[in-house]
């Protein structure tokens, strides 16, 4: 679609051309689009100059389309009808309130989406627009009403409400555990394929950090599977590809269903968590406030 500004003639010239071609008269076209005959004639001439083609054969009292004009009219008529229909549909579409929320891939996929259906029971008149990214600056766009990010609760210019605390522990599929080497202590993890996330955040807890906190190391590079998002790591664990780090709240449903198990009781609790952020200068709409209250209630 690049170059449209250069290639497209002005819309008013196309409208004048279509009307003149349909009526076979500049005068009739002028009456239809509320211009003078001279103005329509001038617009047709400008269009011909921009295209480098003569669109009309001009007689003393009549005009007729040239071969190029007939070919052009077919395409212009279709295009103008499409634009008119699109504009009509937009005008006739009922306005519906929207609430926009941005969140990390992990929160969006594993925590928010499984719960979002219940929001319709609270506010059925409002649509939810969900944007997902693991890049904080993307989530902190001015276009969204609220944001859910992991951190320590300090974001300049934002009200921050702690939704979820952070507790991290190993998880794997029952099938993997049944055929893998013994896993009864953190030290046994060095004998397993460990699924890690290549996160862009230095503070993100990975296997190196978790094992160090457990007094174990170093991480065996040859038994390492790396993915770029946390949902992928959890899916890999579900598929029996190894042991992943499970964030409480995010993987509770998978553990409850039996898709994942906790082979060890060992866990790491940090001071960080997932926070609901709202700009201090923004006054939330009624629907946005309802959605915020629903989010907070869903996290308790």
Protein backbone atom coordinates (compact mmCIF):
# COMPACT_ATOMS: atom_id res chain seq x y z
CA UNK A 1 0.00 0.00 0.00
CA UNK A 2 3.04 2.26 -0.06
CA UNK A 3 2.90 5.12 -2.56
CA UNK A 4 -0.88 5.62 -2.43
CA UNK A 5 -0.49 9.37 -1.98
CA UNK A 6 1.60 9.51 -5.15
CA UNK A 7 -0.54 7.17 -7.26
CA UNK A 8 -4.08 8.07 -6.22
CA UNK A 9 -5.79 11.06 -7.82
CA UNK A 10 -7.78 13.29 -5.42
CA UNK A 11 -11.16 11.79 -4.49
CA UNK A 12 -13.15 14.81 -5.70
CA UNK A 13 -11.72 14.37 -9.21
CA UNK A 14 -12.78 10.72 -9.24
CA UNK A 15 -16.28 11.58 -8.04
CA UNK A 16 -16.65 14.20 -10.75
CA UNK A 17 -15.36 11.77 -13.40
CA UNK A 18 -17.75 8.98 -12.32
CA UNK A 19 -20.76 11.31 -12.34
CA UNK A 20 -19.87 12.79 -15.73
CA UNK A 21 -19.28 9.36 -17.24
CA UNK A 22 -22.53 7.98 -15.87
CA UNK A 23 -24.60 10.92 -17.13
CA UNK A 24 -22.61 11.50 -20.32
CA UNK A 25 -22.76 15.19 -19.48
CA UNK A 26 -20.62 17.62 -17.49
CA UNK A 27 -23.70 19.74 -16.83
CA UNK A 28 -25.75 16.86 -15.37
CA UNK A 29 -22.76 15.81 -13.29
CA UNK A 30 -22.43 19.36 -11.99
CA UNK A 31 -26.08 19.38 -10.90
CA UNK A 32 -25.65 16.05 -9.07
CA UNK A 33 -22.54 16.98 -7.09
CA UNK A 34 -23.50 20.65 -6.56
CA UNK A 35 -20.77 22.24 -8.66
CA UNK A 36 -20.78 24.44 -11.73
CA UNK A 37 -20.32 22.96 -15.19
CA UNK A 38 -17.02 24.84 -15.46
CA UNK A 39 -15.79 23.36 -12.16
CA UNK A 40 -16.58 19.81 -13.31
CA UNK A 41 -14.87 20.43 -16.65
CA UNK A 42 -11.80 21.74 -14.83
CA UNK A 43 -11.70 18.71 -12.51
CA UNK A 44 -11.93 16.29 -15.44
CA UNK A 45 -9.10 18.11 -17.18
CA UNK A 46 -6.93 17.92 -14.03
CA UNK A 47 -7.65 14.20 -13.79
CA UNK A 48 -6.70 13.65 -17.42
CA UNK A 49 -3.47 15.58 -16.91
CA UNK A 50 -2.56 13.53 -13.83
CA UNK A 51 -3.19 10.27 -15.70
CA UNK A 52 -1.67 11.37 -18.99
CA UNK A 53 -4.74 10.06 -20.86
CA UNK A 54 -7.80 11.62 -22.49
CA UNK A 55 -10.85 10.19 -20.71
CA UNK A 56 -13.59 11.99 -22.69
CA UNK A 57 -14.14 12.79 -26.35
CA UNK A 58 -15.69 16.26 -26.24
CA UNK A 59 -18.34 17.29 -28.77
CA UNK A 60 -20.20 20.58 -29.20
CA UNK A 61 -23.08 19.61 -26.89
CA UNK A 62 -22.04 16.20 -25.56
CA UNK A 63 -19.15 14.18 -24.17
CA UNK A 64 -18.34 10.51 -24.65
CA UNK A 65 -15.89 8.26 -22.87
CA UNK A 66 -12.73 7.37 -24.72
CA UNK A 67 -11.53 3.76 -24.73
CA UNK A 68 -9.21 4.63 -21.84
CA UNK A 69 -12.08 6.37 -20.06
CA UNK A 70 -14.33 3.30 -20.30
CA UNK A 71 -11.61 1.09 -18.87
CA UNK A 72 -10.92 3.55 -16.05
CA UNK A 73 -14.63 3.93 -15.25
CA UNK A 74 -15.04 0.21 -14.54
CA UNK A 75 -12.35 0.25 -11.86
CA UNK A 76 -13.29 3.65 -10.42
CA UNK A 77 -16.96 2.64 -10.04
CA UNK A 78 -16.02 -0.51 -8.12
CA UNK A 79 -13.56 1.35 -5.92
CA UNK A 80 -15.96 4.21 -5.09
CA UNK A 81 -18.74 1.75 -4.28
CA UNK A 82 -16.43 -0.14 -1.91
CA UNK A 83 -15.45 3.09 -0.14
CA UNK A 84 -19.08 4.21 0.11
CA UNK A 85 -20.16 0.84 1.51
CA UNK A 86 -17.34 0.84 4.04
CA UNK A 87 -18.26 4.36 5.19
CA UNK A 88 -21.94 3.38 5.44
CA UNK A 89 -21.12 0.31 7.50
CA UNK A 90 -18.97 2.33 9.90
CA UNK A 91 -21.70 4.93 10.37
CA UNK A 92 -24.31 2.25 11.04
CA UNK A 93 -22.15 0.23 13.47
CA UNK A 94 -23.47 0.76 17.01
CA UNK A 95 -20.92 2.35 19.33
CA UNK A 96 -19.70 0.01 22.06
CA UNK A 97 -17.55 0.90 25.01
CA UNK A 98 -14.08 -0.64 25.17
CA UNK A 99 -11.53 -1.20 27.88
CA UNK A 100 -7.93 -1.84 26.83
CA UNK A 101 -5.38 -3.73 28.90
CA UNK A 102 -1.74 -4.57 28.15
CA UNK A 103 0.09 -7.40 29.87
CA UNK A 104 3.05 -9.73 29.53
CA UNK A 105 2.67 -12.92 27.50
CA UNK A 106 2.67 -15.00 30.67
CA UNK A 107 -0.12 -13.06 32.38
CA UNK A 108 -2.16 -12.69 29.18
CA UNK A 109 -2.02 -16.36 28.19
CA UNK A 110 -1.91 -18.23 31.48
CA UNK A 111 -3.83 -16.01 33.90
CA UNK A 112 -6.00 -13.38 32.24
CA UNK A 113 -7.46 -15.21 29.23
CA UNK A 114 -8.73 -18.20 31.26
CA UNK A 115 -10.64 -15.75 33.47
CA UNK A 116 -11.79 -13.14 30.95
CA UNK A 117 -15.02 -14.98 30.14
CA UNK A 118 -16.34 -14.28 33.61
CA UNK A 119 -15.94 -10.52 33.05
CA UNK A 120 -18.98 -10.63 30.75
CA UNK A 121 -21.05 -11.54 33.80
CA UNK A 122 -19.95 -8.26 35.38
CA UNK A 123 -20.18 -5.90 32.39
CA UNK A 124 -21.66 -7.38 29.22
CA UNK A 125 -21.87 -3.97 27.48
CA UNK A 126 -18.09 -3.45 27.28
CA UNK A 127 -15.53 -5.07 24.97
CA UNK A 128 -12.04 -5.91 26.21
CA UNK A 129 -9.04 -5.18 23.99
CA UNK A 130 -6.02 -7.19 25.13
CA UNK A 131 -2.47 -6.37 24.02
CA UNK A 132 0.34 -8.77 24.92
CA UNK A 133 4.08 -8.07 24.96
CA UNK A 134 7.11 -8.87 27.10
CA UNK A 135 8.58 -5.44 26.28
CA UNK A 136 7.60 -3.05 29.07
CA UNK A 137 7.66 0.05 26.87
CA UNK A 138 5.15 -1.56 24.50
CA UNK A 139 2.78 -2.29 27.36
CA UNK A 140 3.18 1.20 28.81
CA UNK A 141 1.62 2.77 25.71
CA UNK A 142 -0.64 5.77 26.22
CA UNK A 143 -3.31 3.97 24.17
CA UNK A 144 -4.17 1.45 26.90
CA UNK A 145 -6.31 1.99 29.99
CA UNK A 146 -4.36 -0.29 32.31
CA UNK A 147 -1.28 -2.49 32.35
CA UNK A 148 -0.20 -5.63 34.19
CA UNK A 149 3.57 -5.97 34.62
CA UNK A 150 6.00 -7.82 36.81
CA UNK A 151 8.21 -5.75 39.09
CA UNK A 152 8.66 -4.20 42.50
CA UNK A 153 5.69 -1.85 42.34
CA UNK A 154 7.63 1.31 41.51
CA UNK A 155 6.61 2.85 38.19
CA UNK A 156 6.91 6.61 37.94
CA UNK A 157 3.62 8.28 37.06
CA UNK A 158 1.48 5.20 37.77
CA UNK A 159 -0.73 3.97 40.55
CA UNK A 160 0.37 0.37 41.21
CA UNK A 161 -1.82 -2.26 42.85
CA UNK A 162 -0.19 -5.61 43.65
CA UNK A 163 -2.26 -8.36 42.06
CA UNK A 164 -0.12 -11.48 42.47
CA UNK A 165 2.87 -12.32 44.61
CA UNK A 166 5.79 -14.33 43.21
CA UNK A 167 6.56 -17.90 44.19
CA UNK A 168 8.60 -20.07 41.82
CA UNK A 169 9.15 -23.84 41.82
CA UNK A 170 10.01 -26.67 39.39
CA UNK A 171 7.19 -28.26 37.34
CA UNK A 172 7.05 -31.02 34.74
CA UNK A 173 4.56 -33.41 33.19
CA UNK A 174 3.65 -36.68 34.95
CA UNK A 175 4.83 -38.59 31.89
CA UNK A 176 8.24 -36.97 31.97
CA UNK A 177 8.62 -37.64 35.69
CA UNK A 178 7.74 -41.30 35.25
CA UNK A 179 10.60 -41.99 32.83
CA UNK A 180 13.20 -39.39 33.83
CA UNK A 181 16.06 -39.83 36.32
CA UNK A 182 15.25 -39.59 40.01
CA UNK A 183 14.12 -36.14 41.13
CA UNK A 184 13.90 -35.96 44.91
CA UNK A 185 16.12 -32.95 45.68
CA UNK A 186 17.22 -29.73 43.96
CA UNK A 187 20.63 -31.28 43.25
CA UNK A 188 18.93 -33.90 41.06
CA UNK A 189 17.85 -31.14 38.67
CA UNK A 190 21.37 -31.11 37.24
CA UNK A 191 20.59 -34.50 35.69
CA UNK A 192 17.49 -33.20 33.89
CA UNK A 193 16.75 -31.14 30.81
CA UNK A 194 15.87 -27.70 32.17
CA UNK A 195 13.53 -25.47 30.15
CA UNK A 196 14.52 -21.82 30.41
CA UNK A 197 13.17 -18.52 29.09
CA UNK A 198 15.43 -16.10 27.25
CA UNK A 199 13.82 -13.05 28.81
CA UNK A 200 14.82 -9.47 28.13
CA UNK A 201 14.67 -8.64 31.83
CA UNK A 202 17.80 -9.08 33.93
CA UNK A 203 15.64 -9.51 37.03
CA UNK A 204 13.67 -12.43 35.54
CA UNK A 205 14.24 -15.56 37.64
CA UNK A 206 15.84 -18.22 35.45
CA UNK A 207 17.25 -21.61 36.30
CA UNK A 208 20.69 -20.20 37.11
CA UNK A 209 19.18 -17.86 39.70
CA UNK A 210 16.80 -20.48 41.10
CA UNK A 211 19.54 -23.10 41.47
CA UNK A 212 21.91 -20.58 43.02
CA UNK A 213 19.27 -19.64 45.60
CA UNK A 214 18.85 -23.37 46.31
CA UNK A 215 22.62 -23.72 46.79
CA UNK A 216 23.07 -25.73 43.58
CA UNK A 217 25.19 -25.08 40.49
CA UNK A 218 26.49 -24.62 37.93
CA UNK A 219 23.76 -25.01 35.30
CA UNK A 220 24.49 -27.87 32.84
CA UNK A 221 24.46 -26.18 29.45
CA UNK A 222 24.24 -29.44 27.52
CA UNK A 223 20.91 -30.28 29.18
CA UNK A 224 19.31 -26.92 28.51
CA UNK A 225 16.24 -26.04 26.39
CA UNK A 226 15.64 -22.35 25.80
CA UNK A 227 12.49 -20.62 24.52
CA UNK A 228 11.63 -16.94 24.17
CA UNK A 229 8.33 -16.68 26.07
CA UNK A 230 7.12 -18.16 29.33
CA UNK A 231 3.94 -19.75 27.85
CA UNK A 232 6.23 -21.67 25.47
CA UNK A 233 8.24 -22.94 28.43
CA UNK A 234 5.08 -24.18 30.14
CA UNK A 235 3.87 -25.83 26.93
CA UNK A 236 7.23 -27.54 26.56
CA UNK A 237 6.90 -28.85 30.11
CA UNK A 238 3.36 -30.09 29.35
CA UNK A 239 4.75 -31.91 26.32
CA UNK A 240 7.27 -33.75 28.46
CA UNK A 241 10.37 -31.98 27.14
CA UNK A 242 11.87 -31.27 30.55
CA UNK A 243 11.46 -29.34 33.79
CA UNK A 244 10.36 -25.70 33.77
CA UNK A 245 10.09 -23.08 36.46
CA UNK A 246 6.48 -22.65 37.51
CA UNK A 247 5.11 -19.36 38.73
CA UNK A 248 2.33 -19.83 41.28
CA UNK A 249 -0.93 -18.30 40.02
CA UNK A 250 0.19 -18.70 36.41
CA UNK A 251 0.35 -22.50 36.43
CA UNK A 252 -2.08 -23.32 39.26
CA UNK A 253 -4.74 -24.53 36.82
CA UNK A 254 -2.28 -26.86 35.07
CA UNK A 255 -1.22 -28.33 38.41
CA UNK A 256 -4.82 -28.68 39.60
CA UNK A 257 -5.75 -30.51 36.38
CA UNK A 258 -2.77 -32.84 36.62
CA UNK A 259 -1.16 -31.64 33.39
CA UNK A 260 1.82 -30.52 35.45
CA UNK A 261 3.19 -31.76 38.76
CA UNK A 262 5.55 -30.33 41.36
CA UNK A 263 8.29 -32.94 41.77
CA UNK A 264 9.89 -30.98 44.63
CA UNK A 265 8.51 -29.02 47.55
CA UNK A 266 11.37 -26.49 47.25
CA UNK A 267 10.23 -23.01 46.25
CA UNK A 268 11.64 -19.51 45.81
CA UNK A 269 9.68 -16.49 47.02
CA UNK A 270 10.78 -13.02 45.85
CA UNK A 271 9.81 -9.49 46.78
CA UNK A 272 8.49 -8.88 43.27
CA UNK A 273 5.04 -9.56 41.89
CA UNK A 274 2.57 -8.70 39.16
CA UNK A 275 1.05 -5.22 39.44
CA UNK A 276 -1.96 -3.49 37.93
CA UNK A 277 -0.84 -0.07 36.68
CA UNK A 278 -3.01 2.94 35.90
CA UNK A 279 -1.69 6.37 34.97
CA UNK A 280 -2.02 8.89 37.75
CA UNK A 281 -3.27 11.63 35.43
CA UNK A 282 -5.92 9.43 33.81
CA UNK A 283 -9.44 9.43 35.22
CA UNK A 284 -10.81 5.95 34.48
CA UNK A 285 -14.14 5.62 32.72
CA UNK A 286 -16.97 3.82 34.48
CA UNK A 287 -16.25 0.67 32.47
CA UNK A 288 -12.50 0.89 33.14
CA UNK A 289 -13.17 1.19 36.87
CA UNK A 290 -15.45 -1.85 36.74
CA UNK A 291 -12.73 -3.80 34.92
CA UNK A 292 -10.12 -2.76 37.49
CA UNK A 293 -12.34 -3.88 40.36
CA UNK A 294 -12.99 -7.18 38.56
CA UNK A 295 -9.24 -7.76 38.04
CA UNK A 296 -8.48 -7.12 41.70
CA UNK A 297 -11.27 -9.45 42.78
CA UNK A 298 -10.10 -12.14 40.34
CA UNK A 299 -6.61 -12.02 41.88
CA UNK A 300 -7.79 -12.57 45.45
